[in-house]
């Protein structure tokens, strides 16, 4: 059975993450688990006031079981509610390994805090499930009719593509931006035959375009997505050196910082 994990940091009906997770579950007959993490910081967990706050948060979160099950009932999906206490990245990465896809918020940068070092992106890097990241101002609607796929023949982009298959098969328009390069024929592995593979999977590509030869690939991707009014962007994350992308910039970092639509990412 298709398993969706919804990382419900905000336990309210209007949360875009909650709305998108349940919409995805309803559309694909999935089992949808709502998860709230009571995050602890090892350096402060033994302070009496902090422990009291953690106990209170955990108690309040557990009271949301009926709320979650009622949402699942209204959407016609099977589901469960879980509350776990622990170090945020470790808990979410470990639990998401049981899901086909994890729905969570799209991280935003803050002064003095780089995108890529935040908890959500660190979970993605921890060999967890592919993640559907939802912008905090998203309207909650999720019926991806127009999907843009960023492809560069890496393992990361292939994992993202496989995770997106249920969505791609139902989309009205799927466009692919191809950045794969056969740089050293006969020495480096040739690009994967993605178009034939997608055709066998029942996905019809409307068009295939090349990555730009110069300039910001991330900016170009988001420009393509905006031009086609895309509902979803699918791509592999951190295909190059993560430290290099953090320090010098890069496609993943740019997209995470500037995207205004849901992203399906895999590492």
Protein backbone atom coordinates (compact mmCIF):
# COMPACT_ATOMS: atom_id res chain seq x y z
CA UNK A 1 0.00 0.00 0.00
CA UNK A 2 1.24 3.47 -0.86
CA UNK A 3 2.48 5.12 2.35
CA UNK A 4 2.53 8.87 2.91
CA UNK A 5 4.05 10.53 5.98
CA UNK A 6 2.82 14.05 6.75
CA UNK A 7 5.18 16.04 8.96
CA UNK A 8 2.51 18.06 10.79
CA UNK A 9 4.43 20.78 12.61
CA UNK A 10 1.24 22.88 12.60
CA UNK A 11 -1.69 20.84 13.90
CA UNK A 12 -4.44 22.87 12.22
CA UNK A 13 -6.78 22.16 9.31
CA UNK A 14 -5.46 25.12 7.32
CA UNK A 15 -1.83 23.95 7.31
CA UNK A 16 -0.70 23.66 3.64
CA UNK A 17 1.35 20.57 4.52
CA UNK A 18 -1.67 18.86 6.08
CA UNK A 19 -3.94 19.80 3.17
CA UNK A 20 -1.50 18.67 0.48
CA UNK A 21 -0.64 15.43 2.29
CA UNK A 22 -4.28 14.43 2.67
CA UNK A 23 -5.12 15.48 -0.91
CA UNK A 24 -2.28 13.30 -2.18
CA UNK A 25 -3.43 10.39 -0.03
CA UNK A 26 -7.02 10.69 -1.19
CA UNK A 27 -6.00 10.87 -4.85
CA UNK A 28 -3.87 7.72 -4.64
CA UNK A 29 -5.66 5.59 -2.06
CA UNK A 30 -2.72 5.84 0.32
CA UNK A 31 -2.28 5.19 4.01
CA UNK A 32 -1.56 8.61 5.49
CA UNK A 33 0.28 8.92 8.77
CA UNK A 34 0.31 12.29 10.49
CA UNK A 35 3.44 12.86 12.54
CA UNK A 36 4.26 15.53 15.10
CA UNK A 37 7.80 15.64 16.45
CA UNK A 38 8.45 17.00 19.92
CA UNK A 39 11.96 18.22 19.26
CA UNK A 40 14.61 18.09 21.96
CA UNK A 41 17.98 19.82 22.11
CA UNK A 42 20.49 17.62 23.94
CA UNK A 43 22.21 20.63 25.53
CA UNK A 44 19.03 21.81 27.26
CA UNK A 45 16.88 18.71 27.71
CA UNK A 46 17.77 18.30 31.40
CA UNK A 47 16.71 21.79 32.39
CA UNK A 48 13.51 21.54 34.48
CA UNK A 49 11.61 24.28 32.59
CA UNK A 50 12.49 22.78 29.22
CA UNK A 51 11.40 19.30 30.25
CA UNK A 52 8.08 20.69 31.50
CA UNK A 53 7.50 22.38 28.15
CA UNK A 54 8.32 19.17 26.27
CA UNK A 55 5.92 17.13 28.37
CA UNK A 56 3.18 19.71 27.81
CA UNK A 57 3.78 19.82 24.04
CA UNK A 58 3.75 16.03 23.82
CA UNK A 59 0.51 15.79 25.81
CA UNK A 60 -1.21 18.42 23.63
CA UNK A 61 0.02 16.75 20.44
CA UNK A 62 -1.34 13.38 21.50
CA UNK A 63 -4.76 14.95 22.01
CA UNK A 64 -4.84 15.64 18.26
CA UNK A 65 -5.37 11.98 17.42
CA UNK A 66 -9.14 12.43 17.03
CA UNK A 67 -8.60 15.57 14.93
CA UNK A 68 -6.33 13.71 12.50
CA UNK A 69 -8.56 10.66 12.20
CA UNK A 70 -11.55 12.89 11.45
CA UNK A 71 -9.59 14.60 8.66
CA UNK A 72 -8.72 11.18 7.24
CA UNK A 73 -12.37 10.13 7.44
CA UNK A 74 -13.50 13.23 5.56
CA UNK A 75 -10.92 12.55 2.85
CA UNK A 76 -11.81 8.87 2.65
CA UNK A 77 -8.32 7.63 3.49
CA UNK A 78 -6.88 5.23 6.03
CA UNK A 79 -4.42 6.75 8.42
CA UNK A 80 -2.89 7.06 11.86
CA UNK A 81 -1.52 9.75 14.16
CA UNK A 82 1.93 9.51 15.76
CA UNK A 83 3.78 11.71 18.23
CA UNK A 84 7.51 11.10 18.66
CA UNK A 85 9.96 12.85 20.96
CA UNK A 86 13.63 13.15 20.05
CA UNK A 87 16.25 15.00 18.03
CA UNK A 88 14.28 16.37 15.08
CA UNK A 89 16.48 15.32 12.15
CA UNK A 90 17.14 11.84 13.51
CA UNK A 91 13.48 11.17 14.30
CA UNK A 92 12.08 12.39 10.98
CA UNK A 93 14.77 10.70 8.88
CA UNK A 94 14.29 7.38 10.68
CA UNK A 95 10.48 7.45 10.52
CA UNK A 96 10.35 8.59 6.91
CA UNK A 97 12.25 5.49 5.82
CA UNK A 98 8.94 3.63 6.16
CA UNK A 99 7.15 6.00 3.77
CA UNK A 100 7.06 6.15 0.00
CA UNK A 101 7.00 9.92 0.28
CA UNK A 102 7.18 12.46 3.11
CA UNK A 103 5.24 15.71 2.92
CA UNK A 104 6.79 18.60 4.81
CA UNK A 105 7.26 22.36 4.65
CA UNK A 106 9.57 24.03 2.18
CA UNK A 107 12.42 25.54 4.22
CA UNK A 108 13.13 29.23 3.91
CA UNK A 109 16.42 30.98 4.61
CA UNK A 110 16.79 33.36 7.51
CA UNK A 111 19.56 35.87 8.25
CA UNK A 112 22.64 33.98 9.34
CA UNK A 113 21.05 30.62 8.49
CA UNK A 114 21.75 29.00 5.12
CA UNK A 115 19.18 26.93 3.31
CA UNK A 116 20.67 23.46 3.22
CA UNK A 117 21.64 23.54 6.89
CA UNK A 118 18.04 23.61 8.11
CA UNK A 119 16.40 20.55 9.68
CA UNK A 120 14.15 19.65 6.73
CA UNK A 121 16.95 19.66 4.15
CA UNK A 122 19.23 17.71 6.50
CA UNK A 123 16.52 15.04 6.71
CA UNK A 124 16.47 14.82 2.93
CA UNK A 125 20.24 14.31 2.95
CA UNK A 126 19.98 11.53 5.54
CA UNK A 127 18.91 8.86 3.02
CA UNK A 128 15.28 9.31 4.00
CA UNK A 129 12.29 8.97 1.68
CA UNK A 130 11.76 11.40 -1.20
CA UNK A 131 10.17 14.58 0.09
CA UNK A 132 7.30 16.70 -1.21
CA UNK A 133 8.06 20.17 0.11
CA UNK A 134 5.18 22.64 0.29
CA UNK A 135 5.65 26.44 0.43
CA UNK A 136 4.27 27.97 3.64
CA UNK A 137 1.93 30.25 1.68
CA UNK A 138 0.57 27.50 -0.61
CA UNK A 139 -3.23 27.44 -0.85
CA UNK A 140 -3.44 23.74 0.06
CA UNK A 141 -4.72 22.69 -3.38
CA UNK A 142 -2.73 19.82 -4.86
CA UNK A 143 -3.75 18.30 -8.17
CA UNK A 144 -0.60 18.45 -10.27
CA UNK A 145 -1.85 18.73 -13.83
CA UNK A 146 1.30 20.47 -15.10
CA UNK A 147 4.62 19.00 -13.95
CA UNK A 148 8.17 20.05 -14.78
CA UNK A 149 10.92 17.43 -14.41
CA UNK A 150 14.56 18.50 -14.03
CA UNK A 151 16.72 15.64 -15.30
CA UNK A 152 20.50 15.24 -15.36
CA UNK A 153 20.87 11.43 -15.42
CA UNK A 154 22.06 11.20 -11.81
CA UNK A 155 20.93 8.71 -9.20
CA UNK A 156 19.29 11.56 -7.31
CA UNK A 157 17.18 12.65 -10.29
CA UNK A 158 16.21 9.02 -10.97
CA UNK A 159 15.03 8.54 -7.38
CA UNK A 160 12.94 11.70 -7.63
CA UNK A 161 11.48 10.55 -10.95
CA UNK A 162 10.52 7.14 -9.57
CA UNK A 163 8.85 8.74 -6.56
CA UNK A 164 6.89 11.05 -8.86
CA UNK A 165 5.55 8.30 -11.16
CA UNK A 166 2.04 8.11 -9.63
CA UNK A 167 1.71 11.86 -10.16
CA UNK A 168 3.25 11.92 -13.62
CA UNK A 169 0.91 9.23 -14.94
CA UNK A 170 -2.10 11.36 -14.07
CA UNK A 171 -0.71 14.75 -15.09
CA UNK A 172 -2.08 16.43 -18.18
CA UNK A 173 1.27 18.01 -19.12
CA UNK A 174 4.76 16.71 -18.31
CA UNK A 175 7.78 18.59 -19.58
CA UNK A 176 11.38 17.56 -19.05
CA UNK A 177 14.43 19.82 -18.92
CA UNK A 178 17.42 17.64 -19.78
CA UNK A 179 20.87 18.47 -18.50
CA UNK A 180 22.49 15.05 -18.96
CA UNK A 181 25.89 15.14 -20.65
CA UNK A 182 28.02 12.41 -22.16
CA UNK A 183 31.26 14.19 -21.29
CA UNK A 184 33.73 11.33 -21.85
CA UNK A 185 32.17 8.78 -24.25
CA UNK A 186 33.43 5.29 -23.55
CA UNK A 187 34.86 6.30 -20.16
CA UNK A 188 32.10 7.85 -18.09
CA UNK A 189 28.68 6.14 -18.01
CA UNK A 190 26.40 7.35 -20.81
CA UNK A 191 23.20 9.24 -19.95
CA UNK A 192 20.30 7.04 -18.89
CA UNK A 193 17.57 6.47 -21.54
CA UNK A 194 14.98 8.36 -19.54
CA UNK A 195 12.53 9.08 -22.36
CA UNK A 196 12.10 5.40 -23.26
CA UNK A 197 11.82 4.51 -19.57
CA UNK A 198 9.09 7.08 -19.00
CA UNK A 199 7.19 5.83 -22.04
CA UNK A 200 7.25 2.28 -20.64
CA UNK A 201 5.92 3.65 -17.35
CA UNK A 202 2.94 5.22 -19.07
CA UNK A 203 4.19 8.82 -18.89
CA UNK A 204 3.83 10.90 -22.04
CA UNK A 205 6.26 13.81 -22.32
CA UNK A 206 4.86 16.89 -24.00
CA UNK A 207 8.30 18.32 -24.65
CA UNK A 208 11.99 17.98 -23.81
CA UNK A 209 14.30 20.98 -23.53
CA UNK A 210 17.98 21.31 -22.74
CA UNK A 211 19.42 22.93 -19.64
CA UNK A 212 20.85 26.37 -20.38
CA UNK A 213 24.54 26.37 -21.32
CA UNK A 214 25.25 29.38 -19.12
CA UNK A 215 23.79 31.27 -16.21
CA UNK A 216 21.88 29.99 -13.22
CA UNK A 217 20.31 26.59 -13.83
CA UNK A 218 18.12 27.02 -10.75
CA UNK A 219 16.82 30.37 -11.98
CA UNK A 220 16.17 28.89 -15.41
CA UNK A 221 14.27 25.94 -13.96
CA UNK A 222 12.01 28.17 -11.91
CA UNK A 223 11.51 30.34 -14.99
CA UNK A 224 10.39 27.26 -16.97
CA UNK A 225 8.05 26.26 -14.14
CA UNK A 226 6.51 29.72 -14.00
CA UNK A 227 6.11 29.93 -17.76
CA UNK A 228 4.16 26.66 -17.93
CA UNK A 229 2.20 27.45 -14.73
CA UNK A 230 3.58 24.24 -13.22
CA UNK A 231 1.90 22.72 -10.18
CA UNK A 232 5.00 20.69 -9.27
CA UNK A 233 8.75 20.61 -9.91
CA UNK A 234 10.49 17.22 -9.69
CA UNK A 235 14.27 17.08 -9.30
CA UNK A 236 17.19 15.36 -7.64
CA UNK A 237 18.78 17.25 -4.77
CA UNK A 238 22.43 18.05 -4.13
CA UNK A 239 23.82 16.17 -7.12
CA UNK A 240 27.20 17.82 -6.68
CA UNK A 241 29.28 18.49 -3.57
CA UNK A 242 26.92 19.65 -0.85
CA UNK A 243 29.59 21.87 0.72
CA UNK A 244 30.38 23.37 -2.66
CA UNK A 245 26.73 24.17 -3.28
CA UNK A 246 26.35 25.70 0.18
CA UNK A 247 29.40 27.93 -0.18
CA UNK A 248 29.23 28.83 -3.85
CA UNK A 249 25.56 28.47 -4.58
CA UNK A 250 23.98 25.84 -6.76
CA UNK A 251 20.80 24.59 -8.37
CA UNK A 252 19.32 22.91 -5.30
CA UNK A 253 20.07 25.81 -3.02
CA UNK A 254 18.62 28.36 -5.46
CA UNK A 255 15.43 26.36 -5.97
CA UNK A 256 14.93 25.84 -2.24
CA UNK A 257 15.39 29.55 -1.59
CA UNK A 258 13.15 30.86 -4.36
CA UNK A 259 10.54 28.25 -5.27
CA UNK A 260 6.91 29.28 -4.99
CA UNK A 261 5.45 25.88 -5.92
CA UNK A 262 5.66 22.39 -4.36
CA UNK A 263 8.91 20.50 -4.95
CA UNK A 264 9.40 16.75 -5.08
CA UNK A 265 13.03 16.12 -4.19
CA UNK A 266 15.14 13.03 -3.63
CA UNK A 267 18.79 12.61 -2.69
